[in-house]
């Protein structure tokens, strides 16, 4: 039996996961100088995989899955492999995208492509986009564009590198890939913590060679250790525990759109913690994103009350 009354909690879980992802930039800014983003990403995934692995060993708990359950069907290795590859590819592609195309362009392309690609890949699961999703997603993407442009990030790059644009788009597609892969396994009855642990274990293996190519001396400092612990335990382990909670009750496309709360959190932390200025355009962008996410989330609560 499915539990539709779990949808509001699932939407909140997805937004909270995105909010934790939004802390990564501030955590890195407060960390030691001289760190390589790819190396930090590899350490983050490695520690996150360990946390998720420990959680996966616990007894199953949590809400029933909303969707088709196929308890007698084993998950395909290809789906698990796809999820792990996409986890690793997202880290690499996003870094290359913002490095070569600029923070503003790279971020907008990656975050704009992600929900759209998830909606298209979700068709493989029989998840058909509706008008409400289209309106909410379009509004949220426009809000992200305004938010990023308002910060002025990357405005001085002067040019857009085609490889950077392709890499940023690749990051968005990679996000869609592991989101839909996770949803695929969840609707087959696989526990969410097991799915996330498997994805991140494979991602950690794929990214681990980068740790041999850089100096990790900063990791022995207090700020370096605290940064990695936060990124690995909280911004990865805890966040993806919440992420799979959202995916267990909501469609992949809905979770992808709700994940656009990430840049809102990152911007607000920049203002509150890093003392950055909040411009009018950025404030408007935040408002548009929040309103769009409410358009996506509120109907779930209404349907839940009607079902009760």
Protein backbone atom coordinates (compact mmCIF):
# COMPACT_ATOMS: atom_id res chain seq x y z
CA UNK A 1 0.00 0.00 0.00
CA UNK A 2 1.33 3.46 -0.85
CA UNK A 3 1.26 6.36 1.51
CA UNK A 4 0.33 9.58 -0.25
CA UNK A 5 0.18 11.43 3.02
CA UNK A 6 3.97 11.19 3.09
CA UNK A 7 4.31 13.54 0.09
CA UNK A 8 4.56 16.81 2.10
CA UNK A 9 7.32 15.33 4.22
CA UNK A 10 9.06 14.05 1.11
CA UNK A 11 8.95 17.51 -0.49
CA UNK A 12 10.42 19.01 2.68
CA UNK A 13 13.14 16.34 2.68
CA UNK A 14 14.07 17.17 -0.93
CA UNK A 15 14.26 20.89 -0.17
CA UNK A 16 16.35 20.26 2.97
CA UNK A 17 18.73 18.09 0.94
CA UNK A 18 19.15 20.92 -1.56
CA UNK A 19 19.69 23.38 1.30
CA UNK A 20 22.54 21.23 2.62
CA UNK A 21 24.09 21.10 -0.87
CA UNK A 22 23.93 24.88 -0.83
CA UNK A 23 26.35 24.98 2.11
CA UNK A 24 29.24 23.53 0.11
CA UNK A 25 30.44 26.82 -1.34
CA UNK A 26 30.49 28.56 2.04
CA UNK A 27 32.24 25.57 3.64
CA UNK A 28 34.96 25.66 1.00
CA UNK A 29 35.29 29.42 1.35
CA UNK A 30 35.84 29.03 5.09
CA UNK A 31 38.29 26.18 4.53
CA UNK A 32 42.04 26.43 3.99
CA UNK A 33 43.60 28.13 0.97
CA UNK A 34 45.19 26.14 -1.82
CA UNK A 35 42.59 23.39 -2.05
CA UNK A 36 41.65 21.87 -5.40
CA UNK A 37 37.88 21.65 -5.98
CA UNK A 38 38.14 18.27 -7.73
CA UNK A 39 40.16 16.83 -4.84
CA UNK A 40 37.72 18.25 -2.31
CA UNK A 41 34.88 16.73 -4.31
CA UNK A 42 36.59 13.33 -4.33
CA UNK A 43 37.14 13.42 -0.56
CA UNK A 44 33.55 14.53 -0.06
CA UNK A 45 32.19 11.62 -2.07
CA UNK A 46 34.53 9.13 -0.39
CA UNK A 47 33.48 10.16 3.12
CA UNK A 48 29.85 10.43 2.05
CA UNK A 49 30.00 6.88 0.69
CA UNK A 50 31.29 5.65 4.06
CA UNK A 51 28.49 7.43 5.93
CA UNK A 52 25.83 6.12 3.56
CA UNK A 53 27.34 2.64 3.77
CA UNK A 54 27.02 2.64 7.55
CA UNK A 55 23.42 3.84 7.28
CA UNK A 56 22.67 1.14 4.72
CA UNK A 57 23.67 -1.54 7.24
CA UNK A 58 20.89 -0.48 9.58
CA UNK A 59 17.53 -2.22 9.58
CA UNK A 60 15.13 -0.83 6.93
CA UNK A 61 12.83 1.88 8.16
CA UNK A 62 10.85 4.77 6.79
CA UNK A 63 7.75 5.33 4.66
CA UNK A 64 6.42 3.02 2.01
CA UNK A 65 7.34 3.88 -1.54
CA UNK A 66 4.86 5.77 -3.69
CA UNK A 67 4.87 4.02 -7.05
CA UNK A 68 5.09 0.53 -8.45
CA UNK A 69 6.79 -2.01 -6.20
CA UNK A 70 8.38 -5.07 -7.71
CA UNK A 71 9.70 -6.96 -4.65
CA UNK A 72 10.70 -10.04 -6.61
CA UNK A 73 12.78 -8.17 -9.18
CA UNK A 74 16.50 -7.61 -8.57
CA UNK A 75 18.07 -4.29 -9.55
CA UNK A 76 20.06 -4.36 -12.78
CA UNK A 77 23.83 -3.88 -12.39
CA UNK A 78 23.71 -1.50 -15.34
CA UNK A 79 21.42 0.86 -13.42
CA UNK A 80 23.76 0.84 -10.40
CA UNK A 81 26.76 1.43 -12.66
CA UNK A 82 24.98 4.31 -14.38
CA UNK A 83 24.22 5.95 -11.05
CA UNK A 84 27.82 5.67 -9.86
CA UNK A 85 29.24 7.01 -13.12
CA UNK A 86 26.83 9.94 -13.06
CA UNK A 87 27.75 10.80 -9.44
CA UNK A 88 31.43 10.99 -10.41
CA UNK A 89 30.71 12.76 -13.72
CA UNK A 90 28.67 15.47 -12.00
CA UNK A 91 31.61 16.47 -9.80
CA UNK A 92 34.09 16.57 -12.70
CA UNK A 93 31.77 18.23 -15.22
CA UNK A 94 30.54 20.92 -12.85
CA UNK A 95 34.09 21.90 -11.89
CA UNK A 96 35.24 22.09 -15.51
CA UNK A 97 32.08 24.00 -16.45
CA UNK A 98 32.45 26.78 -13.88
CA UNK A 99 36.23 26.92 -14.42
CA UNK A 100 36.07 27.39 -18.18
CA UNK A 101 32.70 29.11 -18.71
CA UNK A 102 32.65 31.18 -15.51
CA UNK A 103 30.73 30.72 -12.30
CA UNK A 104 27.59 32.49 -13.51
CA UNK A 105 27.30 30.81 -16.90
CA UNK A 106 28.39 27.40 -15.64
CA UNK A 107 25.97 27.45 -12.73
CA UNK A 108 23.00 28.63 -14.79
CA UNK A 109 23.61 26.04 -17.52
CA UNK A 110 24.06 23.15 -15.06
CA UNK A 111 21.10 24.05 -12.86
CA UNK A 112 18.93 24.89 -15.85
CA UNK A 113 19.64 21.65 -17.69
CA UNK A 114 19.25 19.40 -14.62
CA UNK A 115 15.45 19.59 -14.06
CA UNK A 116 14.71 19.61 -17.79
CA UNK A 117 16.90 16.56 -18.42
CA UNK A 118 15.36 14.81 -15.41
CA UNK A 119 11.88 15.45 -16.79
CA UNK A 120 12.86 13.92 -20.13
CA UNK A 121 14.63 10.90 -18.61
CA UNK A 122 11.70 10.44 -16.25
CA UNK A 123 9.62 9.46 -19.28
CA UNK A 124 11.48 6.14 -19.12
CA UNK A 125 9.75 5.56 -15.78
CA UNK A 126 6.38 6.59 -17.13
CA UNK A 127 6.55 9.95 -15.33
CA UNK A 128 4.86 12.37 -17.69
CA UNK A 129 5.51 16.09 -17.09
CA UNK A 130 2.36 18.12 -16.48
CA UNK A 131 1.57 21.80 -16.85
CA UNK A 132 2.17 22.57 -13.19
CA UNK A 133 5.65 21.05 -13.32
CA UNK A 134 6.44 22.98 -16.52
CA UNK A 135 5.36 26.29 -14.98
CA UNK A 136 7.16 25.71 -11.68
CA UNK A 137 10.35 24.52 -13.36
CA UNK A 138 10.42 27.35 -15.88
CA UNK A 139 9.88 29.89 -13.10
CA UNK A 140 12.57 28.34 -10.90
CA UNK A 141 15.11 28.32 -13.73
CA UNK A 142 14.36 31.97 -14.53
CA UNK A 143 14.75 32.75 -10.83
CA UNK A 144 18.15 31.02 -10.74
CA UNK A 145 19.28 33.05 -13.77
CA UNK A 146 18.26 36.31 -12.04
CA UNK A 147 19.84 35.19 -8.77
CA UNK A 148 23.20 34.32 -10.32
CA UNK A 149 23.33 37.36 -12.60
CA UNK A 150 22.47 39.57 -9.64
CA UNK A 151 25.53 38.38 -7.74
CA UNK A 152 27.78 39.38 -10.63
CA UNK A 153 29.60 36.06 -10.31
CA UNK A 154 31.67 35.32 -13.33
CA UNK A 155 30.58 38.51 -15.08
CA UNK A 156 34.16 39.48 -15.75
CA UNK A 157 35.16 36.32 -17.61
CA UNK A 158 34.67 38.09 -20.90
CA UNK A 159 33.99 34.96 -22.95
CA UNK A 160 32.17 31.66 -22.85
CA UNK A 161 34.30 28.60 -23.53
CA UNK A 162 32.36 26.04 -25.62
CA UNK A 163 33.98 23.19 -23.68
CA UNK A 164 32.88 24.84 -20.45
CA UNK A 165 29.30 25.09 -21.70
CA UNK A 166 29.31 21.43 -22.74
CA UNK A 167 30.78 20.41 -19.37
CA UNK A 168 28.19 22.44 -17.45
CA UNK A 169 25.40 20.87 -19.49
CA UNK A 170 27.02 17.50 -18.80
CA UNK A 171 26.78 18.21 -15.08
CA UNK A 172 23.05 18.83 -15.42
CA UNK A 173 22.57 15.63 -17.42
CA UNK A 174 24.68 13.70 -14.89
CA UNK A 175 22.45 14.92 -12.07
CA UNK A 176 19.41 13.78 -14.05
CA UNK A 177 21.10 10.44 -14.69
CA UNK A 178 21.69 9.50 -11.08
CA UNK A 179 18.33 10.91 -9.98
CA UNK A 180 16.39 8.79 -12.47
CA UNK A 181 18.65 5.78 -11.82
CA UNK A 182 17.93 6.07 -8.10
CA UNK A 183 14.20 6.39 -8.69
CA UNK A 184 14.36 3.33 -10.96
CA UNK A 185 15.84 1.22 -8.16
CA UNK A 186 13.46 2.65 -5.58
CA UNK A 187 10.38 1.68 -7.57
CA UNK A 188 11.84 -1.84 -7.73
CA UNK A 189 11.78 -2.00 -3.95
CA UNK A 190 15.48 -1.43 -3.21
CA UNK A 191 16.15 0.49 0.02
CA UNK A 192 17.10 4.11 -0.57
CA UNK A 193 20.16 4.08 1.69
CA UNK A 194 21.47 1.03 -0.16
CA UNK A 195 20.98 2.81 -3.49
CA UNK A 196 22.82 5.94 -2.38
CA UNK A 197 25.63 3.95 -0.75
CA UNK A 198 26.18 1.96 -3.95
CA UNK A 199 26.17 5.06 -6.16
CA UNK A 200 28.62 6.96 -4.01
CA UNK A 201 30.91 3.97 -3.46
CA UNK A 202 31.27 3.64 -7.24
CA UNK A 203 31.69 7.41 -7.61
CA UNK A 204 34.42 7.40 -4.95
CA UNK A 205 36.28 4.61 -6.74
CA UNK A 206 36.15 6.50 -10.04
CA UNK A 207 37.38 9.78 -8.49
CA UNK A 208 39.97 8.33 -6.10
CA UNK A 209 42.87 8.56 -8.61
CA UNK A 210 42.66 12.36 -8.37
CA UNK A 211 43.77 12.10 -4.74
CA UNK A 212 47.13 10.77 -5.92
CA UNK A 213 47.77 13.78 -8.14
CA UNK A 214 47.51 16.63 -5.63
CA UNK A 215 49.05 17.72 -2.33
CA UNK A 216 46.77 16.81 0.58
CA UNK A 217 48.81 18.63 3.22
CA UNK A 218 45.93 21.02 3.91
CA UNK A 219 43.88 18.07 5.11
CA UNK A 220 45.96 17.92 8.30
CA UNK A 221 44.89 21.43 9.31
CA UNK A 222 41.93 22.01 11.61
CA UNK A 223 40.00 24.04 9.05
CA UNK A 224 40.71 21.48 6.33
CA UNK A 225 39.52 18.57 8.45
CA UNK A 226 36.38 20.41 9.55
CA UNK A 227 35.58 21.35 5.96
CA UNK A 228 35.88 17.77 4.69
CA UNK A 229 33.89 16.40 7.64
CA UNK A 230 31.06 18.86 6.98
CA UNK A 231 31.04 18.24 3.24
CA UNK A 232 31.25 14.46 3.58
CA UNK A 233 29.06 13.76 6.60
CA UNK A 234 26.44 16.51 6.41
CA UNK A 235 26.43 17.92 2.87
CA UNK A 236 26.67 14.42 1.36
CA UNK A 237 25.75 11.67 3.84
CA UNK A 238 22.83 13.42 5.54
CA UNK A 239 21.73 15.30 2.42
CA UNK A 240 21.47 12.20 0.27
CA UNK A 241 19.64 10.38 3.04
CA UNK A 242 17.06 13.18 2.72
CA UNK A 243 17.31 13.07 -1.06
CA UNK A 244 16.35 9.39 -1.24
CA UNK A 245 13.52 10.11 1.20
CA UNK A 246 12.16 12.63 -1.28
CA UNK A 247 12.60 10.26 -4.22
CA UNK A 248 10.77 7.50 -2.35
CA UNK A 249 7.53 9.52 -2.47
CA UNK A 250 7.89 11.95 -5.36
CA UNK A 251 8.70 11.70 -9.06
CA UNK A 252 12.26 12.29 -10.21
CA UNK A 253 11.25 15.47 -12.06
CA UNK A 254 9.58 16.95 -8.96
CA UNK A 255 12.63 16.30 -6.78
CA UNK A 256 14.90 17.82 -9.43
CA UNK A 257 12.86 21.02 -9.48
CA UNK A 258 12.73 21.23 -5.67
CA UNK A 259 16.52 20.86 -5.69
CA UNK A 260 16.75 24.36 -7.15
CA UNK A 261 16.53 25.53 -3.54
CA UNK A 262 20.30 24.92 -3.51
CA UNK A 263 21.40 28.26 -5.04
CA UNK A 264 18.97 30.14 -2.77
CA UNK A 265 20.67 28.66 0.30
CA UNK A 266 24.12 29.31 -1.12
CA UNK A 267 23.26 32.96 -1.79
CA UNK A 268 21.72 33.55 1.63
CA UNK A 269 24.74 31.99 3.35
CA UNK A 270 26.98 34.23 1.29
CA UNK A 271 25.10 37.25 2.63
CA UNK A 272 24.77 36.09 6.25
CA UNK A 273 28.12 34.35 6.75
CA UNK A 274 30.50 35.74 4.14
CA UNK A 275 29.10 39.29 4.30
CA UNK A 276 28.35 39.47 0.60
CA UNK A 277 25.91 42.06 -0.70
CA UNK A 278 22.39 41.12 -1.67
CA UNK A 279 21.51 43.09 -4.79
CA UNK A 280 17.96 43.86 -5.97
CA UNK A 281 18.18 41.44 -8.91
CA UNK A 282 19.41 38.66 -6.63
CA UNK A 283 16.57 39.31 -4.18
CA UNK A 284 14.04 39.13 -7.00
CA UNK A 285 15.61 35.89 -8.21
CA UNK A 286 15.36 34.35 -4.74
CA UNK A 287 11.70 35.34 -4.55
CA UNK A 288 10.93 33.85 -7.97
CA UNK A 289 12.63 30.55 -7.07
CA UNK A 290 10.81 30.31 -3.74
CA UNK A 291 7.43 31.03 -5.32
CA UNK A 292 8.08 28.47 -8.04
CA UNK A 293 9.00 25.81 -5.48
CA UNK A 294 5.80 26.56 -3.59
CA UNK A 295 3.83 26.03 -6.80
CA UNK A 296 5.45 22.60 -7.00
CA UNK A 297 5.09 21.65 -3.32
CA UNK A 298 1.70 23.03 -2.25
CA UNK A 299 -0.43 20.79 -4.53
CA UNK A 300 1.10 17.75 -2.85
CA UNK A 301 -0.18 18.91 0.51
CA UNK A 302 -3.64 19.53 -0.89
CA UNK A 303 -3.76 16.10 -2.49
CA UNK A 304 -2.60 14.58 0.78
CA UNK A 305 -5.40 16.23 2.72
CA UNK A 306 -7.94 15.19 0.09
CA UNK A 307 -6.71 11.58 0.26
CA UNK A 308 -7.01 11.63 4.05
